[in-house]
C-alpha cells in the first residue's frame, strides 16, 4: 500500500486512525467516495489498516496509510480519534505538521477510564471540554470542530445504517458545515448544528451517559434529536 494518496481529491486524514472509531469512520467515508489517509505513530501499522479498509470498502476506494505527522502535512481536514490521555501529547507533537488553514475535527471524550477509572464517568477538563483543550493546543488559525462522539464504533465498522444524530459544535461556521456534510455521508446519520465549541462539553457528557447505558444493556445506543424542522438537518 502506497504511503501517498492516489488522487488530488481533498483528503481526510484520520489521526490515530487505527483504532475502532477511526477505522469505522475511514470505512464509511471511503465507501462514500472520500479520499482517506489513515494516520498512526507507526507508518507500517497505518498501511496495514489502510489495506484492511481498502479490502472492505472495495476496489474504487481511495485509502492510504501514513505516519501521523506526514498525514497532517498531506491533508487540511484532520479527524482526531484518540483516547483522551493521548490527545494533548499528540497535538503538541504534531503542531508543526498541521498546515495553515486546516480543520481539526475532534471526537475526544475525557473518560475516567483513561486514568484507570470508570468508563462512564467524565474527567474534568480545565478548558471546559476536550475539544476546547484541542483548540488551545493547535496552531493559531486552525478551526476546531467537536463531532462524532456518539457514533458506535462497532456499528461504523459494519454494513448497516447507523441510527444516530451527530451534534457538531464549532466557532467556525464553515468548518461546522463541512463537518455536517461529512456526517451526512454516513448512511443513517443526521447532523445538527450544536452551536459554539463551548457546547462540546455537553456532547461529551452525553457520550459518557451512552457508554453507561451500553455497558448496562449490552447495546449500541446513540441519540436522536426530535421535534426540529427538516431544515435543521441540512
Protein backbone atom coordinates (compact mmCIF):
# COMPACT_ATOMS: atom_id res chain seq x y z
CA UNK A 1 0.00 0.00 0.00
CA UNK A 2 1.46 3.33 -1.03
CA UNK A 3 2.06 5.93 1.66
CA UNK A 4 0.85 8.64 -0.72
CA UNK A 5 -2.79 9.43 -1.56
CA UNK A 6 -3.53 8.45 -5.15
CA UNK A 7 -5.68 11.34 -6.31
CA UNK A 8 -5.82 15.11 -5.96
CA UNK A 9 -9.25 14.95 -4.25
CA UNK A 10 -9.18 16.83 -0.94
CA UNK A 11 -8.25 14.06 1.51
CA UNK A 12 -9.34 13.43 5.09
CA UNK A 13 -6.52 12.43 7.43
CA UNK A 14 -7.72 10.35 10.38
CA UNK A 15 -5.14 10.87 13.11
CA UNK A 16 -4.92 7.90 15.43
CA UNK A 17 -6.97 6.18 12.77
CA UNK A 18 -6.04 2.56 13.55
CA UNK A 19 -8.45 2.31 16.49
CA UNK A 20 -12.09 1.15 16.14
CA UNK A 21 -13.58 4.64 15.79
CA UNK A 22 -11.01 5.80 13.27
CA UNK A 23 -11.30 2.62 11.24
CA UNK A 24 -15.08 2.88 11.24
CA UNK A 25 -15.13 6.47 10.04
CA UNK A 26 -12.50 5.65 7.42
CA UNK A 27 -14.60 2.76 6.13
CA UNK A 28 -17.80 4.79 5.88
CA UNK A 29 -16.15 7.77 4.20
CA UNK A 30 -14.14 5.58 1.83
CA UNK A 31 -17.39 3.90 0.75
CA UNK A 32 -18.84 7.38 0.18
CA UNK A 33 -16.01 8.24 -2.22
CA UNK A 34 -13.81 10.31 0.08
CA UNK A 35 -10.02 10.11 -0.14
CA UNK A 36 -8.78 8.80 3.21
CA UNK A 37 -5.38 8.84 4.90
CA UNK A 38 -5.04 6.63 7.97
CA UNK A 39 -2.56 8.15 10.41
CA UNK A 40 -0.64 6.31 13.12
CA UNK A 41 2.54 6.67 15.16
CA UNK A 42 3.72 3.60 13.22
CA UNK A 43 3.60 4.02 9.43
CA UNK A 44 3.55 0.26 8.83
CA UNK A 45 0.57 -0.12 11.15
CA UNK A 46 -1.18 2.70 9.29
CA UNK A 47 -0.58 0.99 5.95
CA UNK A 48 -1.89 -2.34 7.25
CA UNK A 49 -5.02 -0.58 8.50
CA UNK A 50 -5.43 1.22 5.16
CA UNK A 51 -5.17 -2.09 3.30
CA UNK A 52 -7.88 -3.56 5.54
CA UNK A 53 -10.20 -0.63 4.86
CA UNK A 54 -9.45 -0.83 1.14
CA UNK A 55 -10.43 -4.50 1.15
CA UNK A 56 -13.72 -3.85 2.96
CA UNK A 57 -14.63 -0.70 1.03
CA UNK A 58 -13.96 -2.11 -2.44
CA UNK A 59 -11.62 -1.52 -5.33
CA UNK A 60 -12.89 2.01 -6.01
CA UNK A 61 -11.96 3.18 -2.50
CA UNK A 62 -9.03 5.56 -2.13
CA UNK A 63 -7.19 4.82 1.13
CA UNK A 64 -3.55 5.33 2.16
CA UNK A 65 -1.59 4.90 5.38
CA UNK A 66 0.99 7.34 6.78
CA UNK A 67 2.79 8.26 9.97
CA UNK A 68 0.74 10.90 11.82
CA UNK A 69 2.91 13.92 11.00
CA UNK A 70 3.00 13.04 7.31
CA UNK A 71 -0.76 12.54 7.34
CA UNK A 72 -1.23 16.02 8.82
CA UNK A 73 1.05 17.56 6.22
CA UNK A 74 -0.84 15.82 3.40
CA UNK A 75 -4.36 16.98 4.33
CA UNK A 76 -6.18 20.03 5.61
CA UNK A 77 -9.15 18.09 7.01
CA UNK A 78 -7.98 16.24 10.10
CA UNK A 79 -10.13 13.84 12.14
CA UNK A 80 -8.75 13.12 15.62
CA UNK A 81 -9.79 9.75 17.09
CA UNK A 82 -7.51 9.07 20.05
CA UNK A 83 -8.14 8.37 23.76
CA UNK A 84 -8.15 11.45 25.96
CA UNK A 85 -4.89 10.55 27.69
CA UNK A 86 -3.05 10.82 24.36
CA UNK A 87 -4.77 13.91 22.96
CA UNK A 88 -2.60 16.67 24.40
CA UNK A 89 0.72 14.89 23.86
CA UNK A 90 -0.13 14.02 20.26
CA UNK A 91 -1.31 17.51 19.34
CA UNK A 92 1.84 19.04 20.82
CA UNK A 93 3.93 16.63 18.75
CA UNK A 94 2.01 17.41 15.57
CA UNK A 95 1.74 21.18 15.99
CA UNK A 96 4.40 21.95 13.40
CA UNK A 97 2.97 19.42 10.93
CA UNK A 98 -0.56 20.84 10.80
CA UNK A 99 -0.88 23.03 7.73
CA UNK A 100 -2.20 26.58 7.94
CA UNK A 101 -5.96 26.83 7.47
CA UNK A 102 -6.62 23.20 8.40
CA UNK A 103 -9.80 21.97 10.06
CA UNK A 104 -9.40 19.67 13.06
CA UNK A 105 -12.47 17.58 13.88
CA UNK A 106 -12.11 16.23 17.41
CA UNK A 107 -14.09 13.27 18.77
CA UNK A 108 -12.15 13.03 22.04
CA UNK A 109 -14.09 12.29 25.23
CA UNK A 110 -12.34 12.80 28.60
CA UNK A 111 -13.39 9.50 30.15
CA UNK A 112 -12.13 8.39 33.55
CA UNK A 113 -11.19 5.03 32.05
CA UNK A 114 -8.16 6.77 30.55
CA UNK A 115 -6.68 7.02 34.05
CA UNK A 116 -7.99 3.74 35.40
CA UNK A 117 -11.47 4.91 36.43
CA UNK A 118 -14.97 4.05 35.25
CA UNK A 119 -15.62 4.27 31.52
CA UNK A 120 -18.95 6.01 32.10
CA UNK A 121 -17.54 8.86 34.23
CA UNK A 122 -16.20 12.09 32.76
CA UNK A 123 -12.98 13.76 33.88
CA UNK A 124 -12.88 17.48 34.49
CA UNK A 125 -11.02 19.47 31.83
CA UNK A 126 -9.71 22.88 32.83
CA UNK A 127 -10.59 24.40 29.42
CA UNK A 128 -14.18 23.11 29.72
CA UNK A 129 -14.04 20.23 27.24
CA UNK A 130 -11.58 18.05 25.36
CA UNK A 131 -12.39 19.99 22.19
CA UNK A 132 -11.58 23.31 23.84
CA UNK A 133 -8.31 21.83 25.08
CA UNK A 134 -7.53 20.84 21.49
CA UNK A 135 -8.25 24.41 20.34
CA UNK A 136 -5.62 25.69 22.78
CA UNK A 137 -3.02 23.21 21.55
CA UNK A 138 -3.26 23.60 17.77
CA UNK A 139 -1.61 26.47 15.89
CA UNK A 140 -3.44 29.76 15.51
CA UNK A 141 -5.76 29.85 12.53
CA UNK A 142 -6.76 26.18 12.81
CA UNK A 143 -10.52 25.66 13.05
CA UNK A 144 -11.55 23.09 15.66
CA UNK A 145 -14.83 21.22 15.41
CA UNK A 146 -16.25 18.83 18.00
CA UNK A 147 -18.23 15.99 16.42
CA UNK A 148 -18.75 12.22 16.04
CA UNK A 149 -18.55 11.48 19.78
CA UNK A 150 -21.72 9.40 19.95
CA UNK A 151 -21.41 7.06 16.98
CA UNK A 152 -20.90 3.40 17.87
CA UNK A 153 -17.53 2.19 16.58
CA UNK A 154 -18.97 -1.32 16.25
CA UNK A 155 -21.78 -0.06 14.03
CA UNK A 156 -19.45 2.13 11.97
CA UNK A 157 -17.32 -0.90 11.19
CA UNK A 158 -20.36 -2.82 9.92
CA UNK A 159 -22.59 -2.51 6.90
CA UNK A 160 -25.95 -1.37 8.33
CA UNK A 161 -27.09 2.26 8.58
CA UNK A 162 -26.04 3.99 11.80
CA UNK A 163 -29.12 5.13 13.74
CA UNK A 164 -27.68 8.26 15.36
CA UNK A 165 -27.56 12.03 15.13
CA UNK A 166 -24.21 13.84 15.16
CA UNK A 167 -24.12 17.14 17.05
CA UNK A 168 -21.48 19.47 15.59
CA UNK A 169 -20.00 22.30 17.69
CA UNK A 170 -17.54 24.90 16.42
CA UNK A 171 -16.76 28.60 16.44
CA UNK A 172 -16.18 28.43 12.66
CA UNK A 173 -19.47 28.13 10.74
CA UNK A 174 -17.79 26.99 7.52
CA UNK A 175 -15.84 24.24 9.28
CA UNK A 176 -19.02 23.16 11.05
CA UNK A 177 -20.92 23.00 7.76
CA UNK A 178 -18.22 20.88 6.14
CA UNK A 179 -18.31 18.52 9.12
CA UNK A 180 -22.09 18.19 8.91
CA UNK A 181 -21.75 17.31 5.23
CA UNK A 182 -19.22 14.61 6.09
CA UNK A 183 -21.53 13.24 8.79
CA UNK A 184 -24.41 13.04 6.32
CA UNK A 185 -22.31 10.79 4.07
CA UNK A 186 -22.67 8.01 6.66
CA UNK A 187 -25.94 6.12 5.98
CA UNK A 188 -28.48 6.68 8.74
CA UNK A 189 -26.70 9.64 10.29
CA UNK A 190 -28.19 13.12 10.54
CA UNK A 191 -26.08 16.13 11.51
CA UNK A 192 -27.11 19.09 13.64
CA UNK A 193 -25.56 22.47 14.36
CA UNK A 194 -24.81 22.33 18.10
CA UNK A 195 -23.59 25.92 18.34
CA UNK A 196 -20.29 27.19 19.67
CA UNK A 197 -17.33 24.99 20.57
CA UNK A 198 -18.03 25.55 24.27
CA UNK A 199 -21.12 23.35 23.86
CA UNK A 200 -18.84 20.39 23.20
CA UNK A 201 -18.71 19.79 26.94
CA UNK A 202 -22.41 18.88 26.86
CA UNK A 203 -21.95 16.48 23.95
CA UNK A 204 -19.01 14.85 25.73
CA UNK A 205 -21.17 14.36 28.82
CA UNK A 206 -23.87 12.69 26.72
CA UNK A 207 -21.23 10.29 25.43
CA UNK A 208 -20.38 9.19 28.96
CA UNK A 209 -24.10 8.60 29.60
CA UNK A 210 -24.44 6.49 26.45
CA UNK A 211 -21.42 4.41 27.41
CA UNK A 212 -23.06 3.66 30.75
CA UNK A 213 -26.28 2.63 29.00
CA UNK A 214 -24.40 0.40 26.60
CA UNK A 215 -22.49 -1.29 29.42
CA UNK A 216 -25.64 -1.98 31.40
CA UNK A 217 -27.80 -3.08 28.48
CA UNK A 218 -25.14 -4.56 26.19
CA UNK A 219 -26.19 -2.39 23.27
CA UNK A 220 -25.00 0.30 20.87
CA UNK A 221 -27.07 3.30 21.96
CA UNK A 222 -26.99 6.55 20.01
CA UNK A 223 -29.04 9.74 20.18
CA UNK A 224 -31.83 11.22 18.09
CA UNK A 225 -32.94 14.84 18.47
CA UNK A 226 -36.65 15.15 17.71
CA UNK A 227 -39.08 17.98 17.08
CA UNK A 228 -36.89 20.06 14.75
CA UNK A 229 -37.83 21.11 11.19
CA UNK A 230 -36.19 19.20 8.31
CA UNK A 231 -34.00 22.21 7.52
CA UNK A 232 -32.16 21.71 10.82
CA UNK A 233 -30.59 18.53 9.46
CA UNK A 234 -29.22 20.10 6.28
